[in-house]
Amino acid sequence: MPGSAPPRRSLPDATGSARRSADVAEVAALLEEAARTRVPCPPVRPLLPEADIDAAYAVQQLHVERAVRAGRRLVGRKIGLTSPAVQRQLGVDQPDFGALFTDMAVPEGQPIAPGRLLQPKVEAEVALVLGTDLPHRDPTVADLLRATAFALPALEIVDSRIADWDITIVDTVADNASCGLYVLGGTPVPLDRVDLRAVTMTLTRNGERVSQGTGADCLGSPLTAALWLATTLAGLGDPLRAGDLVLTGALGPMAVAAEGDEFTADIAGLGTVTTTFASTTTEGAGA
């Protein structure tokens, strides 16, 4: 039934107590209000037990469940914190993940309207689209390769409902892994035609290079990141399924975006993907 939530999308309840349940609900309300009003909120970590990532994921899951009940369609996951340097900065030793919905997708050629995001930053990634399910609790690289229909170049426009990006792992996980929007390239590439570990990436803003990296900069390979996600979700009873989109993580540093900026990512072997941020004056002129 359109708009109803498939049972597989429910993660186990991680609240653990009435107090944690109240904290989770309070944090979810703060983040949803920030998204609604377009006014960032203070860090939410003081409201959750210190370093309690399970509680942060409970906030995220509450957001997902409410979004699905409101009619939004869940289409996949994004992986964050794939850079060892960022992991060290936030004091963690593993990535995180967030939920992707159809209304986060921006077609190439469609400008991103002013004010749609709070404090956007852009990063270039490899996107995978699954052709078959990955239900095993201990998937292998071979399972992942067989299950992946194709790869695409992608731009993830990350955003934070937390003021000034003042985040720890608890803040970003609760905030749906700082998800914002995403843009996919239009030419699918089977995995037997590209070595994802060896791909090189260049990200430009208004024609000037602002980031570069390789597939190896994403946890050693985008496939390694995707395998971590598949294993984690299968262990939670919510495995990746056929048709799911996976944004595997940044191949290089993110770049701040402003009105009027145009970003293009060139990922060798996968092609290019471009997005633009409309300016207020442009929007007004076209009205």
C-alpha atoms as a PDB file:
ATOM      1  CA  MET A   1       0.000   0.000   0.000  1.00  0.00           C
ATOM      2  CA  PRO A   2       1.497   3.378  -0.989  1.00  0.00           C
ATOM      3  CA  GLY A   3       2.675   5.393   2.000  1.00  0.00           C
ATOM      4  CA  SER A   4       2.643   2.456   4.429  1.00  0.00           C
ATOM      5  CA  ALA A   5       5.862   1.364   6.114  1.00  0.00           C
ATOM      6  CA  PRO A   6       7.273  -2.050   5.171  1.00  0.00           C
ATOM      7  CA  PRO A   7       7.925  -4.126   8.292  1.00  0.00           C
ATOM      8  CA  ARG A   8      11.581  -4.623   7.362  1.00  0.00           C
ATOM      9  CA  ARG A   9      12.291  -0.933   7.853  1.00  0.00           C
ATOM     10  CA  SER A  10      11.832  -1.007  11.643  1.00  0.00           C
ATOM     11  CA  LEU A  11      15.049  -1.116  13.647  1.00  0.00           C
ATOM     12  CA  PRO A  12      15.008  -2.644  17.137  1.00  0.00           C
ATOM     13  CA  ASP A  13      13.925  -0.309  19.918  1.00  0.00           C
ATOM     14  CA  ALA A  14      17.119   0.987  21.528  1.00  0.00           C
ATOM     15  CA  THR A  15      15.581   3.253  24.176  1.00  0.00           C
ATOM     16  CA  GLY A  16      16.075   0.862  27.082  1.00  0.00           C
ATOM     17  CA  SER A  17      14.191   2.916  29.695  1.00  0.00           C
ATOM     18  CA  ALA A  18      11.396   5.406  30.220  1.00  0.00           C
ATOM     19  CA  ARG A  19      13.963   8.151  30.817  1.00  0.00           C
ATOM     20  CA  ARG A  20      15.774   7.413  27.593  1.00  0.00           C
ATOM     21  CA  SER A  21      12.433   7.297  25.749  1.00  0.00           C
ATOM     22  CA  ALA A  22      11.640  10.790  26.994  1.00  0.00           C
ATOM     23  CA  ASP A  23      15.094  12.031  26.010  1.00  0.00           C
ATOM     24  CA  VAL A  24      14.783  10.481  22.561  1.00  0.00           C
ATOM     25  CA  ALA A  25      11.389  12.113  22.001  1.00  0.00           C
ATOM     26  CA  GLU A  26      12.685  15.497  23.155  1.00  0.00           C
ATOM     27  CA  VAL A  27      15.721  15.374  20.860  1.00  0.00           C
ATOM     28  CA  ALA A  28      13.602  14.271  17.901  1.00  0.00           C
ATOM     29  CA  ALA A  29      11.241  17.180  18.501  1.00  0.00           C
ATOM     30  CA  LEU A  30      14.100  19.697  18.637  1.00  0.00           C
ATOM     31  CA  LEU A  31      15.619  18.452  15.375  1.00  0.00           C
ATOM     32  CA  GLU A  32      12.268  18.331  13.599  1.00  0.00           C
ATOM     33  CA  GLU A  33      11.510  21.888  14.730  1.00  0.00           C
ATOM     34  CA  ALA A  34      14.888  23.044  13.411  1.00  0.00           C
ATOM     35  CA  ALA A  35      14.147  21.423  10.057  1.00  0.00           C
ATOM     36  CA  ARG A  36      10.647  22.931   9.932  1.00  0.00           C
ATOM     37  CA  THR A  37      11.635  26.475  10.887  1.00  0.00           C
ATOM     38  CA  ARG A  38      15.018  26.454   9.093  1.00  0.00           C
ATOM     39  CA  VAL A  39      16.622  27.655  12.325  1.00  0.00           C
ATOM     40  CA  PRO A  40      19.454  25.422  13.594  1.00  0.00           C
ATOM     41  CA  CYS A  41      19.230  24.254  17.188  1.00  0.00           C
ATOM     42  CA  PRO A  42      21.976  23.883  19.804  1.00  0.00           C
ATOM     43  CA  PRO A  43      23.816  20.537  20.032  1.00  0.00           C
ATOM     44  CA  VAL A  44      21.543  17.770  21.302  1.00  0.00           C
ATOM     45  CA  ARG A  45      24.238  15.699  23.012  1.00  0.00           C
ATOM     46  CA  PRO A  46      23.567  17.231  26.471  1.00  0.00           C
ATOM     47  CA  LEU A  47      20.083  15.687  26.300  1.00  0.00           C
ATOM     48  CA  LEU A  48      21.326  12.142  25.663  1.00  0.00           C
ATOM     49  CA  PRO A  49      23.624   9.941  27.735  1.00  0.00           C
ATOM     50  CA  GLU A  50      27.254  10.683  26.904  1.00  0.00           C
ATOM     51  CA  ALA A  51      28.492   8.697  23.888  1.00  0.00           C
ATOM     52  CA  ASP A  52      25.206   6.725  23.768  1.00  0.00           C
ATOM     53  CA  ILE A  53      25.110   6.008  20.049  1.00  0.00           C
ATOM     54  CA  ASP A  54      22.203   3.581  20.498  1.00  0.00           C
ATOM     55  CA  ALA A  55      20.083   6.421  21.894  1.00  0.00           C
ATOM     56  CA  ALA A  56      21.097   8.603  18.947  1.00  0.00           C
ATOM     57  CA  TYR A  57      20.015   5.892  16.507  1.00  0.00           C
ATOM     58  CA  ALA A  58      16.729   5.637  18.396  1.00  0.00           C
ATOM     59  CA  VAL A  59      16.179   9.349  17.669  1.00  0.00           C
ATOM     60  CA  GLN A  60      16.982   8.735  14.017  1.00  0.00           C
ATOM     61  CA  GLN A  61      14.616   5.776  13.830  1.00  0.00           C
ATOM     62  CA  LEU A  62      11.804   7.772  15.401  1.00  0.00           C
ATOM     63  CA  HIS A  63      12.347  10.384  12.684  1.00  0.00           C
ATOM     64  CA  VAL A  64      12.268   7.695   9.973  1.00  0.00           C
ATOM     65  CA  GLU A  65       9.074   6.131  11.303  1.00  0.00           C
ATOM     66  CA  ARG A  66       7.334   9.504  11.483  1.00  0.00           C
ATOM     67  CA  ALA A  67       8.502  10.402   7.984  1.00  0.00           C
ATOM     68  CA  VAL A  68       7.196   7.160   6.509  1.00  0.00           C
ATOM     69  CA  ARG A  69       3.855   7.576   8.275  1.00  0.00           C
ATOM     70  CA  ALA A  70       3.670  11.065   6.743  1.00  0.00           C
ATOM     71  CA  GLY A  71       3.986   9.541   3.264  1.00  0.00           C
ATOM     72  CA  ARG A  72       7.702   9.933   2.519  1.00  0.00           C
ATOM     73  CA  ARG A  73       9.273   6.960   0.700  1.00  0.00           C
ATOM     74  CA  LEU A  74      12.456   5.450   2.070  1.00  0.00           C
ATOM     75  CA  VAL A  75      14.796   4.414  -0.761  1.00  0.00           C
ATOM     76  CA  GLY A  76      18.143   3.595   0.821  1.00  0.00           C
ATOM     77  CA  ARG A  77      20.920   4.630   3.168  1.00  0.00           C
ATOM     78  CA  LYS A  78      23.931   6.920   3.271  1.00  0.00           C
ATOM     79  CA  ILE A  79      27.189   6.111   4.999  1.00  0.00           C
ATOM     80  CA  GLY A  80      29.039   8.823   6.896  1.00  0.00           C
ATOM     81  CA  LEU A  81      32.294   9.131   8.809  1.00  0.00           C
ATOM     82  CA  THR A  82      34.217   7.039   6.290  1.00  0.00           C
ATOM     83  CA  SER A  83      37.331   9.180   6.662  1.00  0.00           C
ATOM     84  CA  PRO A  84      39.766   7.997   9.366  1.00  0.00           C
ATOM     85  CA  ALA A  85      40.647  11.637  10.076  1.00  0.00           C
ATOM     86  CA  VAL A  86      37.014  12.532  10.744  1.00  0.00           C
ATOM     87  CA  GLN A  87      36.583   9.422  12.888  1.00  0.00           C
ATOM     88  CA  ARG A  88      39.532  10.498  15.022  1.00  0.00           C
ATOM     89  CA  GLN A  89      38.094  13.996  15.285  1.00  0.00           C
ATOM     90  CA  LEU A  90      34.781  12.671  16.636  1.00  0.00           C
ATOM     91  CA  GLY A  91      36.374   9.950  18.776  1.00  0.00           C
ATOM     92  CA  VAL A  92      34.834   6.950  17.006  1.00  0.00           C
ATOM     93  CA  ASP A  93      36.208   3.894  15.256  1.00  0.00           C
ATOM     94  CA  GLN A  94      33.393   3.141  12.822  1.00  0.00           C
ATOM     95  CA  PRO A  95      31.174   4.893  10.257  1.00  0.00           C
ATOM     96  CA  ASP A  96      27.556   5.835  10.791  1.00  0.00           C
ATOM     97  CA  PHE A  97      24.489   5.690   8.554  1.00  0.00           C
ATOM     98  CA  GLY A  98      21.346   7.647   7.805  1.00  0.00           C
ATOM     99  CA  ALA A  99      18.134   7.215   5.836  1.00  0.00           C
ATOM    100  CA  LEU A 100      17.527   8.439   2.285  1.00  0.00           C
ATOM    101  CA  PHE A 101      14.088   9.444   1.020  1.00  0.00           C
ATOM    102  CA  THR A 102      12.844  10.169  -2.485  1.00  0.00           C
ATOM    103  CA  ASP A 103      12.244  13.835  -1.665  1.00  0.00           C
ATOM    104  CA  MET A 104      15.978  14.234  -0.983  1.00  0.00           C
ATOM    105  CA  ALA A 105      16.830  13.433  -4.616  1.00  0.00           C
ATOM    106  CA  VAL A 106      17.621  16.406  -6.873  1.00  0.00           C
ATOM    107  CA  PRO A 107      17.749  15.702 -10.635  1.00  0.00           C
ATOM    108  CA  GLU A 108      20.744  17.050 -12.517  1.00  0.00           C
ATOM    109  CA  GLY A 109      19.808  20.359 -14.115  1.00  0.00           C
ATOM    110  CA  GLN A 110      17.347  21.302 -11.366  1.00  0.00           C
ATOM    111  CA  PRO A 111      18.776  24.093  -9.189  1.00  0.00           C
ATOM    112  CA  ILE A 112      18.544  23.775  -5.430  1.00  0.00           C
ATOM    113  CA  ALA A 113      16.247  26.533  -4.205  1.00  0.00           C
ATOM    114  CA  PRO A 114      17.560  29.149  -1.751  1.00  0.00           C
ATOM    115  CA  GLY A 115      16.626  28.363   1.819  1.00  0.00           C
ATOM    116  CA  ARG A 116      15.922  24.698   1.186  1.00  0.00           C
ATOM    117  CA  LEU A 117      18.887  23.762   3.392  1.00  0.00           C
ATOM    118  CA  LEU A 118      20.293  25.352   6.544  1.00  0.00           C
ATOM    119  CA  GLN A 119      24.098  25.148   6.195  1.00  0.00           C
ATOM    120  CA  PRO A 120      24.917  22.921   3.216  1.00  0.00           C
ATOM    121  CA  LYS A 121      28.220  21.333   2.302  1.00  0.00           C
ATOM    122  CA  VAL A 122      28.962  19.201  -0.747  1.00  0.00           C
ATOM    123  CA  GLU A 123      30.935  15.984  -1.070  1.00  0.00           C
ATOM    124  CA  ALA A 124      31.542  13.594  -3.964  1.00  0.00           C
ATOM    125  CA  GLU A 125      30.746   9.916  -3.557  1.00  0.00           C
ATOM    126  CA  VAL A 126      30.197   6.596  -5.280  1.00  0.00           C
ATOM    127  CA  ALA A 127      26.547   5.512  -5.254  1.00  0.00           C
ATOM    128  CA  LEU A 128      25.553   1.852  -5.525  1.00  0.00           C
ATOM    129  CA  VAL A 129      22.128   0.577  -6.562  1.00  0.00           C
ATOM    130  CA  LEU A 130      21.278  -2.982  -5.552  1.00  0.00           C
ATOM    131  CA  GLY A 131      19.740  -5.462  -7.941  1.00  0.00           C
ATOM    132  CA  THR A 132      19.088  -8.196  -5.365  1.00  0.00           C
ATOM    133  CA  ASP A 133      18.646  -8.446  -1.607  1.00  0.00           C
ATOM    134  CA  LEU A 134      21.546  -8.671   0.850  1.00  0.00           C
ATOM    135  CA  PRO A 135      19.831 -10.444   3.774  1.00  0.00           C
ATOM    136  CA  HIS A 136      22.788 -12.398   5.186  1.00  0.00           C
ATOM    137  CA  ARG A 137      24.096 -11.429   8.622  1.00  0.00           C
ATOM    138  CA  ASP A 138      27.650 -12.043   7.420  1.00  0.00           C
ATOM    139  CA  PRO A 139      27.725 -10.880   3.761  1.00  0.00           C
ATOM    140  CA  THR A 140      30.959 -11.153   1.824  1.00  0.00           C
ATOM    141  CA  VAL A 141      32.429  -8.895  -0.835  1.00  0.00           C
ATOM    142  CA  ALA A 142      31.364 -11.512  -3.376  1.00  0.00           C
ATOM    143  CA  ASP A 143      27.765 -11.254  -2.110  1.00  0.00           C
ATOM    144  CA  LEU A 144      27.920  -7.475  -2.440  1.00  0.00           C
ATOM    145  CA  LEU A 145      29.358  -7.611  -5.952  1.00  0.00           C
ATOM    146  CA  ARG A 146      26.643 -10.036  -7.075  1.00  0.00           C
ATOM    147  CA  ALA A 147      23.910  -7.941  -5.466  1.00  0.00           C
ATOM    148  CA  THR A 148      24.973  -4.579  -6.926  1.00  0.00           C
ATOM    149  CA  ALA A 149      23.300  -3.729 -10.223  1.00  0.00           C
ATOM    150  CA  PHE A 150      25.471  -0.686 -10.998  1.00  0.00           C
ATOM    151  CA  ALA A 151      27.391   2.295  -9.650  1.00  0.00           C
ATOM    152  CA  LEU A 152      26.903   6.009 -10.296  1.00  0.00           C
ATOM    153  CA  PRO A 153      28.790   9.195  -9.478  1.00  0.00           C
ATOM    154  CA  ALA A 154      26.968  11.161  -6.797  1.00  0.00           C
ATOM    155  CA  LEU A 155      26.990  14.456  -4.969  1.00  0.00           C
ATOM    156  CA  GLU A 156      25.748  14.403  -1.412  1.00  0.00           C
ATOM    157  CA  ILE A 157      24.703  17.768  -0.049  1.00  0.00           C
ATOM    158  CA  VAL A 158      25.070  17.243   3.668  1.00  0.00           C
ATOM    159  CA  ASP A 159      23.300  19.544   6.086  1.00  0.00           C
ATOM    160  CA  SER A 160      23.075  19.907   9.842  1.00  0.00           C
ATOM    161  CA  ARG A 161      20.177  20.975  11.970  1.00  0.00           C
ATOM    162  CA  ILE A 162      22.809  21.664  14.675  1.00  0.00           C
ATOM    163  CA  ALA A 163      24.018  25.268  14.789  1.00  0.00           C
ATOM    164  CA  ASP A 164      27.481  25.923  13.332  1.00  0.00           C
ATOM    165  CA  TRP A 165      28.051  22.204  12.693  1.00  0.00           C
ATOM    166  CA  ASP A 166      28.969  21.853  16.378  1.00  0.00           C
ATOM    167  CA  ILE A 167      28.586  18.073  16.369  1.00  0.00           C
ATOM    168  CA  THR A 168      29.821  14.871  17.933  1.00  0.00           C
ATOM    169  CA  ILE A 169      28.916  11.356  16.821  1.00  0.00           C
ATOM    170  CA  VAL A 170      25.770  11.511  18.985  1.00  0.00           C
ATOM    171  CA  ASP A 171      24.593  14.755  17.361  1.00  0.00           C
ATOM    172  CA  THR A 172      25.105  13.640  13.781  1.00  0.00           C
ATOM    173  CA  VAL A 173      23.567  10.173  14.217  1.00  0.00           C
ATOM    174  CA  ALA A 174      20.487  11.651  15.903  1.00  0.00           C
ATOM    175  CA  ASP A 175      20.296  14.184  13.042  1.00  0.00           C
ATOM    176  CA  ASN A 176      19.938  11.380  10.493  1.00  0.00           C
ATOM    177  CA  ALA A 177      23.707  11.371   9.846  1.00  0.00           C
ATOM    178  CA  SER A 178      23.484  15.003   8.703  1.00  0.00           C
ATOM    179  CA  CYS A 179      21.519  14.046   5.593  1.00  0.00           C
ATOM    180  CA  GLY A 180      20.395  16.799   3.266  1.00  0.00           C
ATOM    181  CA  LEU A 181      19.978  16.128  -0.456  1.00  0.00           C
ATOM    182  CA  TYR A 182      21.704  14.063  -3.132  1.00  0.00           C
ATOM    183  CA  VAL A 183      22.268  14.224  -6.876  1.00  0.00           C
ATOM    184  CA  LEU A 184      22.994  11.154  -9.006  1.00  0.00           C
ATOM    185  CA  GLY A 185      24.781  10.957 -12.331  1.00  0.00           C
ATOM    186  CA  GLY A 186      22.776   9.519 -15.188  1.00  0.00           C
ATOM    187  CA  THR A 187      24.979   6.776 -16.655  1.00  0.00           C
ATOM    188  CA  PRO A 188      25.028   3.484 -14.707  1.00  0.00           C
ATOM    189  CA  VAL A 189      28.312   1.539 -14.694  1.00  0.00           C
ATOM    190  CA  PRO A 190      28.478  -2.201 -13.855  1.00  0.00           C
ATOM    191  CA  LEU A 191      31.085  -3.049 -11.244  1.00  0.00           C
ATOM    192  CA  ASP A 192      33.037  -5.287 -13.620  1.00  0.00           C
ATOM    193  CA  ARG A 193      33.950  -2.150 -15.597  1.00  0.00           C
ATOM    194  CA  VAL A 194      35.457  -0.109 -12.771  1.00  0.00           C
ATOM    195  CA  ASP A 195      37.836  -0.619  -9.847  1.00  0.00           C
ATOM    196  CA  LEU A 196      36.141   1.421  -7.136  1.00  0.00           C
ATOM    197  CA  ARG A 197      39.192   1.386  -4.889  1.00  0.00           C
ATOM    198  CA  ALA A 198      41.350   2.970  -7.594  1.00  0.00           C
ATOM    199  CA  VAL A 199      38.957   5.636  -8.888  1.00  0.00           C
ATOM    200  CA  THR A 200      40.114   9.239  -8.636  1.00  0.00           C
ATOM    201  CA  MET A 201      37.777  12.117  -7.805  1.00  0.00           C
ATOM    202  CA  THR A 202      37.933  15.842  -8.431  1.00  0.00           C
ATOM    203  CA  LEU A 203      35.268  18.188  -7.073  1.00  0.00           C
ATOM    204  CA  THR A 204      35.055  21.734  -8.438  1.00  0.00           C
ATOM    205  CA  ARG A 205      33.080  24.750  -7.259  1.00  0.00           C
ATOM    206  CA  ASN A 206      32.480  27.331  -9.971  1.00  0.00           C
ATOM    207  CA  GLY A 207      35.279  25.732 -11.982  1.00  0.00           C
ATOM    208  CA  GLU A 208      37.860  25.794  -9.179  1.00  0.00           C
ATOM    209  CA  ARG A 209      39.027  22.555  -7.590  1.00  0.00           C
ATOM    210  CA  VAL A 210      37.959  22.360  -3.940  1.00  0.00           C
ATOM    211  CA  SER A 211      38.371  18.654  -3.151  1.00  0.00           C
ATOM    212  CA  GLN A 212      40.079  15.578  -4.491  1.00  0.00           C
ATOM    213  CA  GLY A 213      40.578  11.988  -3.425  1.00  0.00           C
ATOM    214  CA  THR A 214      40.383   8.357  -4.423  1.00  0.00           C
ATOM    215  CA  GLY A 215      38.219   5.351  -3.733  1.00  0.00           C
ATOM    216  CA  ALA A 216      40.813   4.194  -1.227  1.00  0.00           C
ATOM    217  CA  ASP A 217      40.076   7.307   0.864  1.00  0.00           C
ATOM    218  CA  CYS A 218      36.626   5.890   1.655  1.00  0.00           C
ATOM    219  CA  LEU A 219      37.431   3.237   4.298  1.00  0.00           C
ATOM    220  CA  GLY A 220      39.932   1.727   1.865  1.00  0.00           C
ATOM    221  CA  SER A 221      37.235   1.234  -0.780  1.00  0.00           C
ATOM    222  CA  PRO A 222      33.583   2.202  -1.296  1.00  0.00           C
ATOM    223  CA  LEU A 223      32.896  -1.546  -1.315  1.00  0.00           C
ATOM    224  CA  THR A 224      34.329  -1.843   2.208  1.00  0.00           C
ATOM    225  CA  ALA A 225      31.991   0.908   3.377  1.00  0.00           C
ATOM    226  CA  ALA A 226      29.000  -0.723   1.678  1.00  0.00           C
ATOM    227  CA  LEU A 227      29.893  -4.086   3.199  1.00  0.00           C
ATOM    228  CA  TRP A 228      29.987  -2.498   6.665  1.00  0.00           C
ATOM    229  CA  LEU A 229      26.511  -1.070   6.075  1.00  0.00           C
ATOM    230  CA  ALA A 230      25.130  -4.371   4.753  1.00  0.00           C
ATOM    231  CA  THR A 231      26.506  -6.244   7.762  1.00  0.00           C
ATOM    232  CA  THR A 232      25.242  -3.652  10.255  1.00  0.00           C
ATOM    233  CA  LEU A 233      21.721  -3.461   8.830  1.00  0.00           C
ATOM    234  CA  ALA A 234      21.405  -7.241   8.478  1.00  0.00           C
ATOM    235  CA  GLY A 235      22.426  -7.585  12.118  1.00  0.00           C
ATOM    236  CA  LEU A 236      19.632  -5.155  13.039  1.00  0.00           C
ATOM    237  CA  GLY A 237      17.091  -7.205  11.109  1.00  0.00           C
ATOM    238  CA  ASP A 238      16.728  -4.482   8.471  1.00  0.00           C
ATOM    239  CA  PRO A 239      18.862  -5.712   5.545  1.00  0.00           C
ATOM    240  CA  LEU A 240      19.511  -3.923   2.292  1.00  0.00           C
ATOM    241  CA  ARG A 241      17.046  -4.957  -0.415  1.00  0.00           C
ATOM    242  CA  ALA A 242      16.840  -4.951  -4.200  1.00  0.00           C
ATOM    243  CA  GLY A 243      16.430  -1.409  -5.488  1.00  0.00           C
ATOM    244  CA  ASP A 244      18.036   0.234  -2.472  1.00  0.00           C
ATOM    245  CA  LEU A 245      20.385   3.153  -3.054  1.00  0.00           C
ATOM    246  CA  VAL A 246      23.602   3.315  -1.028  1.00  0.00           C
ATOM    247  CA  LEU A 247      25.714   6.460  -0.850  1.00  0.00           C
ATOM    248  CA  THR A 248      29.020   4.945   0.202  1.00  0.00           C
ATOM    249  CA  GLY A 249      30.786   7.973   1.707  1.00  0.00           C
ATOM    250  CA  ALA A 250      32.942  10.910   0.712  1.00  0.00           C
ATOM    251  CA  LEU A 251      36.024  10.404  -1.465  1.00  0.00           C
ATOM    252  CA  GLY A 252      37.526  13.691  -0.279  1.00  0.00           C
ATOM    253  CA  PRO A 253      36.894  16.681   1.979  1.00  0.00           C
ATOM    254  CA  MET A 254      33.519  18.408   1.843  1.00  0.00           C
ATOM    255  CA  ALA A 255      33.139  21.954   0.511  1.00  0.00           C
ATOM    256  CA  VAL A 256      30.871  24.714   1.819  1.00  0.00           C
ATOM    257  CA  ALA A 257      28.087  25.720  -0.582  1.00  0.00           C
ATOM    258  CA  ALA A 258      26.488  29.123  -1.058  1.00  0.00           C
ATOM    259  CA  GLU A 259      23.795  30.601  -3.286  1.00  0.00           C
ATOM    260  CA  GLY A 260      24.885  30.748  -6.922  1.00  0.00           C
ATOM    261  CA  ASP A 261      27.526  28.009  -6.619  1.00  0.00           C
ATOM    262  CA  GLU A 262      27.874  25.239  -9.179  1.00  0.00           C
ATOM    263  CA  PHE A 263      29.543  21.971  -8.183  1.00  0.00           C
ATOM    264  CA  THR A 264      30.806  19.235 -10.491  1.00  0.00           C
ATOM    265  CA  ALA A 265      32.302  15.926  -9.422  1.00  0.00           C
ATOM    266  CA  ASP A 266      34.397  13.962 -11.914  1.00  0.00           C
ATOM    267  CA  ILE A 267      34.972  10.370 -10.801  1.00  0.00           C
ATOM    268  CA  ALA A 268      37.228   8.483 -13.205  1.00  0.00           C
ATOM    269  CA  GLY A 269      35.464   5.444 -14.621  1.00  0.00           C
ATOM    270  CA  LEU A 270      32.026   6.622 -13.491  1.00  0.00           C
ATOM    271  CA  GLY A 271      31.672  10.023 -15.139  1.00  0.00           C
ATOM    272  CA  THR A 272      30.521  13.396 -13.886  1.00  0.00           C
ATOM    273  CA  VAL A 273      27.614  14.788 -11.904  1.00  0.00           C
ATOM    274  CA  THR A 274      26.716  18.463 -11.462  1.00  0.00           C
ATOM    275  CA  THR A 275      24.418  20.537  -9.284  1.00  0.00           C
ATOM    276  CA  THR A 276      23.788  24.245  -8.823  1.00  0.00           C
ATOM    277  CA  PHE A 277      22.517  26.349  -5.927  1.00  0.00           C
ATOM    278  CA  ALA A 278      20.087  28.965  -7.169  1.00  0.00           C
ATOM    279  CA  SER A 279      20.520  32.521  -5.915  1.00  0.00           C
ATOM    280  CA  THR A 280      17.751  34.599  -4.423  1.00  0.00           C
ATOM    281  CA  THR A 281      18.073  37.155  -7.227  1.00  0.00           C
ATOM    282  CA  THR A 282      17.809  34.418  -9.871  1.00  0.00           C
ATOM    283  CA  GLU A 283      14.738  32.957  -8.207  1.00  0.00           C
ATOM    284  CA  GLY A 284      13.125  36.372  -8.019  1.00  0.00           C
ATOM    285  CA  ALA A 285      13.889  37.158 -11.644  1.00  0.00           C
ATOM    286  CA  GLY A 286      12.300  33.914 -12.797  1.00  0.00           C
ATOM    287  CA  ALA A 287       9.149  34.353 -10.746  1.00  0.00           C
END
